[in-house]
């Protein structure tokens, strides 16, 4: 999950274990190199089965490289936001 640390200034990427409801890591920043290098350092990446994330294509490509066996699932918040956005256009 990507979020701002301080509105409009710094971004962070939160890595969480959704099964056990725990924050695993917070990566300050959102640059491709920073996030990918941090994720590549995780042990057991090949055992990750599911990654829930926003609809960002850049994050999707990072996840595919870092967690090759994981299925990618779009998180509910971003899916609902996208649907509502398209309904508001009418």
C-alpha atoms as a PDB file:
ATOM      1  CA  UNK A   1       0.000   0.000   0.000  1.00  0.00           C
ATOM      2  CA  UNK A   2       1.336   3.421  -0.910  1.00  0.00           C
ATOM      3  CA  UNK A   3       0.502   6.440   1.236  1.00  0.00           C
ATOM      4  CA  UNK A   4       1.804   9.865   2.180  1.00  0.00           C
ATOM      5  CA  UNK A   5       3.754  10.292   5.366  1.00  0.00           C
ATOM      6  CA  UNK A   6       3.026  14.004   5.442  1.00  0.00           C
ATOM      7  CA  UNK A   7       0.326  15.224   3.054  1.00  0.00           C
ATOM      8  CA  UNK A   8       1.918  16.246  -0.213  1.00  0.00           C
ATOM      9  CA  UNK A   9       5.535  15.684   0.770  1.00  0.00           C
ATOM     10  CA  UNK A  10       6.860  12.175   1.340  1.00  0.00           C
ATOM     11  CA  UNK A  11       5.503   8.831   0.233  1.00  0.00           C
ATOM     12  CA  UNK A  12       5.863   5.449   1.852  1.00  0.00           C
ATOM     13  CA  UNK A  13       5.074   1.931   0.723  1.00  0.00           C
ATOM     14  CA  UNK A  14       3.690  -0.308   3.457  1.00  0.00           C
ATOM     15  CA  UNK A  15       4.269  -4.042   3.305  1.00  0.00           C
ATOM     16  CA  UNK A  16       1.778  -5.937   5.467  1.00  0.00           C
ATOM     17  CA  UNK A  17       0.905  -9.512   6.311  1.00  0.00           C
ATOM     18  CA  UNK A  18      -2.863  -9.429   5.769  1.00  0.00           C
ATOM     19  CA  UNK A  19      -3.361 -12.924   7.169  1.00  0.00           C
ATOM     20  CA  UNK A  20      -1.920 -11.995  10.566  1.00  0.00           C
ATOM     21  CA  UNK A  21      -2.860  -8.275  10.421  1.00  0.00           C
ATOM     22  CA  UNK A  22       0.714  -7.051  10.916  1.00  0.00           C
ATOM     23  CA  UNK A  23       2.820  -4.404   9.246  1.00  0.00           C
ATOM     24  CA  UNK A  24       5.909  -6.179   7.966  1.00  0.00           C
ATOM     25  CA  UNK A  25       7.844  -3.167   6.696  1.00  0.00           C
ATOM     26  CA  UNK A  26       7.485   0.475   5.682  1.00  0.00           C
ATOM     27  CA  UNK A  27       9.623   1.582   2.761  1.00  0.00           C
ATOM     28  CA  UNK A  28      10.048   5.341   2.744  1.00  0.00           C
ATOM     29  CA  UNK A  29       9.592   6.513  -0.828  1.00  0.00           C
ATOM     30  CA  UNK A  30       7.966   5.040  -3.898  1.00  0.00           C
ATOM     31  CA  UNK A  31      10.696   4.981  -6.527  1.00  0.00           C
ATOM     32  CA  UNK A  32      10.925   1.795  -8.557  1.00  0.00           C
ATOM     33  CA  UNK A  33      14.591   1.149  -7.686  1.00  0.00           C
ATOM     34  CA  UNK A  34      14.089   1.762  -3.978  1.00  0.00           C
ATOM     35  CA  UNK A  35      10.995  -0.437  -3.607  1.00  0.00           C
ATOM     36  CA  UNK A  36      12.290  -3.223  -5.839  1.00  0.00           C
ATOM     37  CA  UNK A  37      15.709  -3.433  -4.169  1.00  0.00           C
ATOM     38  CA  UNK A  38      14.081  -3.586  -0.725  1.00  0.00           C
ATOM     39  CA  UNK A  39      11.610  -6.287  -1.786  1.00  0.00           C
ATOM     40  CA  UNK A  40      14.376  -8.318  -3.425  1.00  0.00           C
ATOM     41  CA  UNK A  41      16.179  -8.420  -0.075  1.00  0.00           C
ATOM     42  CA  UNK A  42      13.291 -10.268   1.612  1.00  0.00           C
ATOM     43  CA  UNK A  43      13.896 -13.918   2.417  1.00  0.00           C
ATOM     44  CA  UNK A  44      11.179 -16.347   1.320  1.00  0.00           C
ATOM     45  CA  UNK A  45       9.951 -14.252  -1.616  1.00  0.00           C
ATOM     46  CA  UNK A  46       9.435 -17.443  -3.614  1.00  0.00           C
ATOM     47  CA  UNK A  47       6.911 -18.694  -1.018  1.00  0.00           C
ATOM     48  CA  UNK A  48       4.584 -15.663  -1.233  1.00  0.00           C
ATOM     49  CA  UNK A  49       1.255 -16.829  -2.681  1.00  0.00           C
ATOM     50  CA  UNK A  50      -0.839 -13.643  -2.919  1.00  0.00           C
ATOM     51  CA  UNK A  51      -0.054  -9.931  -3.138  1.00  0.00           C
ATOM     52  CA  UNK A  52      -2.892  -7.451  -2.625  1.00  0.00           C
ATOM     53  CA  UNK A  53      -2.111  -4.019  -4.051  1.00  0.00           C
ATOM     54  CA  UNK A  54      -3.449  -0.957  -5.814  1.00  0.00           C
ATOM     55  CA  UNK A  55      -3.916  -0.899  -9.584  1.00  0.00           C
ATOM     56  CA  UNK A  56      -0.538   0.668 -10.390  1.00  0.00           C
ATOM     57  CA  UNK A  57       1.117  -0.926 -13.409  1.00  0.00           C
ATOM     58  CA  UNK A  58       4.583   0.007 -12.146  1.00  0.00           C
ATOM     59  CA  UNK A  59       3.985  -1.751  -8.812  1.00  0.00           C
ATOM     60  CA  UNK A  60       2.527  -4.728 -10.678  1.00  0.00           C
ATOM     61  CA  UNK A  61       5.737  -5.189 -12.664  1.00  0.00           C
ATOM     62  CA  UNK A  62       7.822  -4.908  -9.469  1.00  0.00           C
ATOM     63  CA  UNK A  63       5.641  -7.512  -7.736  1.00  0.00           C
ATOM     64  CA  UNK A  64       5.939  -9.896 -10.682  1.00  0.00           C
ATOM     65  CA  UNK A  65       9.731  -9.739 -10.500  1.00  0.00           C
ATOM     66  CA  UNK A  66      10.031  -9.863  -6.709  1.00  0.00           C
ATOM     67  CA  UNK A  67       7.317 -12.445  -6.003  1.00  0.00           C
ATOM     68  CA  UNK A  68       7.316 -14.702  -9.082  1.00  0.00           C
ATOM     69  CA  UNK A  69       4.857 -17.294  -7.715  1.00  0.00           C
ATOM     70  CA  UNK A  70       2.342 -14.833  -6.245  1.00  0.00           C
ATOM     71  CA  UNK A  71      -1.086 -14.046  -7.630  1.00  0.00           C
ATOM     72  CA  UNK A  72      -1.776 -10.316  -7.767  1.00  0.00           C
ATOM     73  CA  UNK A  73      -5.120  -9.193  -6.348  1.00  0.00           C
ATOM     74  CA  UNK A  74      -6.423  -5.613  -6.565  1.00  0.00           C
ATOM     75  CA  UNK A  75      -7.360  -4.157  -3.201  1.00  0.00           C
ATOM     76  CA  UNK A  76     -11.017  -3.372  -2.563  1.00  0.00           C
ATOM     77  CA  UNK A  77     -10.517   0.358  -1.901  1.00  0.00           C
ATOM     78  CA  UNK A  78      -8.933   1.080  -5.283  1.00  0.00           C
ATOM     79  CA  UNK A  79     -11.404  -1.092  -7.204  1.00  0.00           C
ATOM     80  CA  UNK A  80     -14.400   0.659  -5.619  1.00  0.00           C
ATOM     81  CA  UNK A  81     -12.788   4.069  -6.178  1.00  0.00           C
ATOM     82  CA  UNK A  82     -12.278   3.260  -9.862  1.00  0.00           C
ATOM     83  CA  UNK A  83     -15.872   2.073 -10.292  1.00  0.00           C
ATOM     84  CA  UNK A  84     -17.265   5.152  -8.515  1.00  0.00           C
ATOM     85  CA  UNK A  85     -15.068   7.418 -10.633  1.00  0.00           C
ATOM     86  CA  UNK A  86     -16.553   5.964 -13.827  1.00  0.00           C
ATOM     87  CA  UNK A  87     -20.111   6.260 -12.492  1.00  0.00           C
ATOM     88  CA  UNK A  88     -19.508   9.911 -11.648  1.00  0.00           C
ATOM     89  CA  UNK A  89     -18.597  10.630 -15.281  1.00  0.00           C
ATOM     90  CA  UNK A  90     -22.212  10.073 -16.378  1.00  0.00           C
END
